[in-house]
Amino acid sequence: MKLLAAGLALAIAGTVAMHPLLGSGNSFDAIVSAVEGQYHQQPQHIPMLWLADAMAGAYTGGGVRHMKLAEFDNFSGPASTEELDRLIAGRLDAQWQRMVLERGSDGDISLIYVRPEHGSMRMLVANYDHHELDIVRMDLNGERLASFLDNPHHSPYQHSAQPD
């Protein structure tokens, strides 16, 4: 029981200590607020997202960090790809570059923006699919992510019987 309490205290302390890092760059919050204002919808609450962020970082050996996610269910927009692109790009500074703009024949939209961020790459993904809009922001460490992708069976969380 003491070990569980100590682990929980460490997790909370780590989250509080990392809070300024998680909030660095308010473009994500500005985009979510703009979507809320323009479409009059609130994102869904995602319980324990901090745990998913921590697990992604641990699983990829630090390749993915500082993840934020906003999910809008039963989303009534956007009217066009260009509308969503303008809404998002208008809240990003000049360092952000659009890397992907994809329009599906069924109305699906995928947008990916990237920018350098302290030796890593910050990525923002917006995906509209079947009346659901998901907006995700994360930091990617290229070297650590490449190492994980090259050797995923070396991950401490991989329990397959594959030989080295």
C-alpha atoms as a PDB file:
ATOM      1  CA  MET A   1       0.000   0.000   0.000  1.00  0.00           C
ATOM      2  CA  LYS A   2       2.874   2.379   0.815  1.00  0.00           C
ATOM      3  CA  LEU A   3       4.433   1.609  -2.565  1.00  0.00           C
ATOM      4  CA  LEU A   4       1.167   2.441  -4.344  1.00  0.00           C
ATOM      5  CA  ALA A   5       0.840   5.717  -2.424  1.00  0.00           C
ATOM      6  CA  ALA A   6       4.470   6.620  -3.182  1.00  0.00           C
ATOM      7  CA  GLY A   7       3.966   5.824  -6.875  1.00  0.00           C
ATOM      8  CA  LEU A   8       0.823   7.934  -7.026  1.00  0.00           C
ATOM      9  CA  ALA A   9       2.580  10.815  -5.260  1.00  0.00           C
ATOM     10  CA  LEU A  10       5.471  10.631  -7.743  1.00  0.00           C
ATOM     11  CA  ALA A  11       3.069  10.596 -10.707  1.00  0.00           C
ATOM     12  CA  ILE A  12       1.216  13.648  -9.396  1.00  0.00           C
ATOM     13  CA  ALA A  13       4.452  15.475  -8.595  1.00  0.00           C
ATOM     14  CA  GLY A  14       5.798  14.692 -12.060  1.00  0.00           C
ATOM     15  CA  THR A  15       2.633  15.955 -13.699  1.00  0.00           C
ATOM     16  CA  VAL A  16       2.700  19.172 -11.666  1.00  0.00           C
ATOM     17  CA  ALA A  17       6.414  19.677 -12.388  1.00  0.00           C
ATOM     18  CA  MET A  18       5.875  19.100 -16.118  1.00  0.00           C
ATOM     19  CA  HIS A  19       2.794  21.343 -16.335  1.00  0.00           C
ATOM     20  CA  PRO A  20       4.738  24.376 -17.630  1.00  0.00           C
ATOM     21  CA  LEU A  21       6.307  22.179 -20.315  1.00  0.00           C
ATOM     22  CA  LEU A  22       2.977  20.711 -21.349  1.00  0.00           C
ATOM     23  CA  GLY A  23       1.499  24.162 -21.767  1.00  0.00           C
ATOM     24  CA  SER A  24       4.398  25.623 -23.734  1.00  0.00           C
ATOM     25  CA  GLY A  25       3.098  27.251 -26.877  1.00  0.00           C
ATOM     26  CA  ASN A  26      -0.555  28.125 -26.585  1.00  0.00           C
ATOM     27  CA  SER A  27      -1.403  27.536 -30.272  1.00  0.00           C
ATOM     28  CA  PHE A  28      -3.137  24.253 -29.411  1.00  0.00           C
ATOM     29  CA  ASP A  29      -5.408  25.965 -26.879  1.00  0.00           C
ATOM     30  CA  ALA A  30      -6.073  28.813 -29.334  1.00  0.00           C
ATOM     31  CA  ILE A  31      -7.094  26.320 -32.031  1.00  0.00           C
ATOM     32  CA  VAL A  32      -9.407  24.426 -29.673  1.00  0.00           C
ATOM     33  CA  SER A  33     -10.974  27.726 -28.540  1.00  0.00           C
ATOM     34  CA  ALA A  34     -11.443  28.815 -32.155  1.00  0.00           C
ATOM     35  CA  VAL A  35     -13.197  25.534 -33.002  1.00  0.00           C
ATOM     36  CA  GLU A  36     -15.417  25.905 -29.928  1.00  0.00           C
ATOM     37  CA  GLY A  37     -16.310  29.484 -30.886  1.00  0.00           C
ATOM     38  CA  GLN A  38     -16.900  28.938 -34.586  1.00  0.00           C
ATOM     39  CA  TYR A  39     -18.825  25.666 -34.355  1.00  0.00           C
ATOM     40  CA  HIS A  40     -20.394  26.098 -30.892  1.00  0.00           C
ATOM     41  CA  GLN A  41     -19.215  22.707 -29.699  1.00  0.00           C
ATOM     42  CA  GLN A  42     -17.148  21.562 -26.726  1.00  0.00           C
ATOM     43  CA  PRO A  43     -14.458  18.875 -26.884  1.00  0.00           C
ATOM     44  CA  GLN A  44     -15.096  15.634 -25.041  1.00  0.00           C
ATOM     45  CA  HIS A  45     -13.325  15.142 -21.724  1.00  0.00           C
ATOM     46  CA  ILE A  46     -10.738  12.392 -22.045  1.00  0.00           C
ATOM     47  CA  PRO A  47     -10.055  10.875 -18.637  1.00  0.00           C
ATOM     48  CA  MET A  48      -6.448  10.154 -17.676  1.00  0.00           C
ATOM     49  CA  LEU A  49      -4.941  11.631 -20.857  1.00  0.00           C
ATOM     50  CA  TRP A  50      -1.835  12.393 -18.792  1.00  0.00           C
ATOM     51  CA  LEU A  51      -1.381   8.643 -18.356  1.00  0.00           C
ATOM     52  CA  ALA A  52      -1.590   8.040 -22.116  1.00  0.00           C
ATOM     53  CA  ASP A  53       1.011  10.789 -22.591  1.00  0.00           C
ATOM     54  CA  ALA A  54       3.316   9.206 -20.017  1.00  0.00           C
ATOM     55  CA  MET A  55       2.853   5.731 -21.503  1.00  0.00           C
ATOM     56  CA  ALA A  56       3.554   6.987 -25.049  1.00  0.00           C
ATOM     57  CA  GLY A  57       6.766   8.574 -23.819  1.00  0.00           C
ATOM     58  CA  ALA A  58       7.817   5.465 -21.922  1.00  0.00           C
ATOM     59  CA  TYR A  59       6.851   3.047 -24.698  1.00  0.00           C
ATOM     60  CA  THR A  60       8.760   4.988 -27.378  1.00  0.00           C
ATOM     61  CA  GLY A  61      11.748   5.721 -25.119  1.00  0.00           C
ATOM     62  CA  GLY A  62      10.982   9.432 -25.182  1.00  0.00           C
ATOM     63  CA  GLY A  63      10.239   9.522 -28.912  1.00  0.00           C
ATOM     64  CA  VAL A  64       6.744  10.959 -28.288  1.00  0.00           C
ATOM     65  CA  ARG A  65       6.195  13.508 -25.507  1.00  0.00           C
ATOM     66  CA  HIS A  66       3.887  16.286 -24.337  1.00  0.00           C
ATOM     67  CA  MET A  67       0.789  15.029 -26.085  1.00  0.00           C
ATOM     68  CA  LYS A  68      -2.432  17.053 -26.005  1.00  0.00           C
ATOM     69  CA  LEU A  69      -5.716  15.925 -27.544  1.00  0.00           C
ATOM     70  CA  ALA A  70      -9.096  17.502 -28.202  1.00  0.00           C
ATOM     71  CA  GLU A  71     -11.906  15.316 -29.527  1.00  0.00           C
ATOM     72  CA  PHE A  72     -15.129  16.807 -30.888  1.00  0.00           C
ATOM     73  CA  ASP A  73     -17.860  14.183 -31.362  1.00  0.00           C
ATOM     74  CA  ASN A  74     -20.956  14.782 -33.527  1.00  0.00           C
ATOM     75  CA  PHE A  75     -19.080  17.657 -35.138  1.00  0.00           C
ATOM     76  CA  SER A  76     -21.185  19.826 -37.444  1.00  0.00           C
ATOM     77  CA  GLY A  77     -18.418  21.282 -39.624  1.00  0.00           C
ATOM     78  CA  PRO A  78     -16.211  22.176 -41.387  1.00  0.00           C
ATOM     79  CA  ALA A  79     -17.792  23.284 -44.638  1.00  0.00           C
ATOM     80  CA  SER A  80     -14.514  22.712 -46.532  1.00  0.00           C
ATOM     81  CA  THR A  81     -10.891  21.690 -46.188  1.00  0.00           C
ATOM     82  CA  GLU A  82      -9.868  25.276 -46.799  1.00  0.00           C
ATOM     83  CA  GLU A  83     -12.100  26.484 -43.940  1.00  0.00           C
ATOM     84  CA  LEU A  84     -10.471  24.101 -41.464  1.00  0.00           C
ATOM     85  CA  ASP A  85      -6.993  24.918 -42.792  1.00  0.00           C
ATOM     86  CA  ARG A  86      -7.608  28.683 -42.397  1.00  0.00           C
ATOM     87  CA  LEU A  87      -8.981  28.232 -38.884  1.00  0.00           C
ATOM     88  CA  ILE A  88      -5.921  26.259 -37.766  1.00  0.00           C
ATOM     89  CA  ALA A  89      -3.208  28.072 -39.732  1.00  0.00           C
ATOM     90  CA  GLY A  90      -4.530  31.417 -38.465  1.00  0.00           C
ATOM     91  CA  ARG A  91      -3.600  30.389 -34.897  1.00  0.00           C
ATOM     92  CA  LEU A  92      -0.092  29.144 -35.694  1.00  0.00           C
ATOM     93  CA  ASP A  93       3.043  31.282 -35.849  1.00  0.00           C
ATOM     94  CA  ALA A  94       5.290  31.532 -38.911  1.00  0.00           C
ATOM     95  CA  GLN A  95       7.534  28.651 -37.773  1.00  0.00           C
ATOM     96  CA  TRP A  96       4.741  26.133 -38.405  1.00  0.00           C
ATOM     97  CA  GLN A  97       4.681  24.521 -41.838  1.00  0.00           C
ATOM     98  CA  ARG A  98       1.814  22.527 -43.278  1.00  0.00           C
ATOM     99  CA  MET A  99       3.200  19.114 -44.199  1.00  0.00           C
ATOM    100  CA  VAL A 100       0.018  17.244 -45.234  1.00  0.00           C
ATOM    101  CA  LEU A 101      -3.369  18.309 -46.543  1.00  0.00           C
ATOM    102  CA  GLU A 102      -5.511  15.371 -47.579  1.00  0.00           C
ATOM    103  CA  ARG A 103      -9.137  15.383 -48.695  1.00  0.00           C
ATOM    104  CA  GLY A 104     -11.014  12.130 -48.919  1.00  0.00           C
ATOM    105  CA  SER A 105     -13.779  11.595 -51.444  1.00  0.00           C
ATOM    106  CA  ASP A 106     -16.138  10.943 -48.529  1.00  0.00           C
ATOM    107  CA  GLY A 107     -15.455  14.363 -46.944  1.00  0.00           C
ATOM    108  CA  ASP A 108     -12.694  13.262 -44.574  1.00  0.00           C
ATOM    109  CA  ILE A 109      -9.921  15.795 -43.986  1.00  0.00           C
ATOM    110  CA  SER A 110      -6.420  15.310 -42.588  1.00  0.00           C
ATOM    111  CA  LEU A 111      -4.062  18.212 -41.891  1.00  0.00           C
ATOM    112  CA  ILE A 112      -0.586  17.914 -40.401  1.00  0.00           C
ATOM    113  CA  TYR A 113       1.575  20.879 -39.388  1.00  0.00           C
ATOM    114  CA  VAL A 114       5.132  20.712 -38.028  1.00  0.00           C
ATOM    115  CA  ARG A 115       7.681  23.061 -36.471  1.00  0.00           C
ATOM    116  CA  PRO A 116      11.094  22.682 -34.833  1.00  0.00           C
ATOM    117  CA  GLU A 117      10.901  22.722 -31.023  1.00  0.00           C
ATOM    118  CA  HIS A 118      14.042  22.603 -28.825  1.00  0.00           C
ATOM    119  CA  GLY A 119      15.841  19.837 -30.718  1.00  0.00           C
ATOM    120  CA  SER A 120      12.618  17.991 -31.446  1.00  0.00           C
ATOM    121  CA  MET A 121       9.750  18.421 -33.840  1.00  0.00           C
ATOM    122  CA  ARG A 122       6.359  19.605 -32.650  1.00  0.00           C
ATOM    123  CA  MET A 123       3.503  18.142 -34.668  1.00  0.00           C
ATOM    124  CA  LEU A 124      -0.140  19.181 -34.828  1.00  0.00           C
ATOM    125  CA  VAL A 125      -2.604  16.832 -36.503  1.00  0.00           C
ATOM    126  CA  ALA A 126      -6.233  17.659 -37.272  1.00  0.00           C
ATOM    127  CA  ASN A 127      -8.390  14.839 -38.570  1.00  0.00           C
ATOM    128  CA  TYR A 128     -12.065  15.155 -39.514  1.00  0.00           C
ATOM    129  CA  ASP A 129     -13.731  11.802 -40.123  1.00  0.00           C
ATOM    130  CA  HIS A 130     -17.414  10.842 -40.031  1.00  0.00           C
ATOM    131  CA  HIS A 131     -18.566  13.849 -37.975  1.00  0.00           C
ATOM    132  CA  GLU A 132     -15.675  13.634 -35.518  1.00  0.00           C
ATOM    133  CA  LEU A 133     -12.834  16.140 -35.321  1.00  0.00           C
ATOM    134  CA  ASP A 134      -9.672  15.164 -33.469  1.00  0.00           C
ATOM    135  CA  ILE A 135      -6.849  17.630 -32.865  1.00  0.00           C
ATOM    136  CA  VAL A 136      -3.590  16.251 -31.485  1.00  0.00           C
ATOM    137  CA  ARG A 137      -0.361  18.033 -30.608  1.00  0.00           C
ATOM    138  CA  MET A 138       2.823  16.215 -29.615  1.00  0.00           C
ATOM    139  CA  ASP A 139       6.577  16.602 -29.557  1.00  0.00           C
ATOM    140  CA  LEU A 140       8.614  14.047 -31.475  1.00  0.00           C
ATOM    141  CA  ASN A 141      12.277  13.308 -30.804  1.00  0.00           C
ATOM    142  CA  GLY A 142      13.494  12.046 -34.165  1.00  0.00           C
ATOM    143  CA  GLU A 143      16.494  10.070 -32.921  1.00  0.00           C
ATOM    144  CA  ARG A 144      14.603   8.284 -30.153  1.00  0.00           C
ATOM    145  CA  LEU A 145      11.574   7.613 -32.347  1.00  0.00           C
ATOM    146  CA  ALA A 146      13.767   6.264 -35.176  1.00  0.00           C
ATOM    147  CA  SER A 147      15.581   4.008 -32.714  1.00  0.00           C
ATOM    148  CA  PHE A 148      12.249   2.700 -31.403  1.00  0.00           C
ATOM    149  CA  LEU A 149      10.899   2.126 -34.929  1.00  0.00           C
ATOM    150  CA  ASP A 150      14.099   0.327 -35.977  1.00  0.00           C
ATOM    151  CA  ASN A 151      14.075  -1.943 -32.915  1.00  0.00           C
ATOM    152  CA  PRO A 152      10.593  -2.035 -31.329  1.00  0.00           C
ATOM    153  CA  HIS A 153      11.280  -5.412 -29.702  1.00  0.00           C
ATOM    154  CA  HIS A 154      13.910  -3.704 -27.504  1.00  0.00           C
ATOM    155  CA  SER A 155      11.160  -1.703 -25.855  1.00  0.00           C
ATOM    156  CA  PRO A 156      10.686  -2.636 -22.192  1.00  0.00           C
ATOM    157  CA  TYR A 157       6.955  -2.929 -22.950  1.00  0.00           C
ATOM    158  CA  GLN A 158       7.272  -5.353 -25.866  1.00  0.00           C
ATOM    159  CA  HIS A 159       6.663  -8.925 -24.729  1.00  0.00           C
ATOM    160  CA  SER A 160       6.821 -10.866 -27.957  1.00  0.00           C
ATOM    161  CA  ALA A 161       8.755 -14.045 -28.522  1.00  0.00           C
ATOM    162  CA  GLN A 162      10.701 -12.575 -31.437  1.00  0.00           C
ATOM    163  CA  PRO A 163      14.444 -13.196 -31.274  1.00  0.00           C
ATOM    164  CA  ASP A 164      16.893 -10.262 -31.266  1.00  0.00           C
END
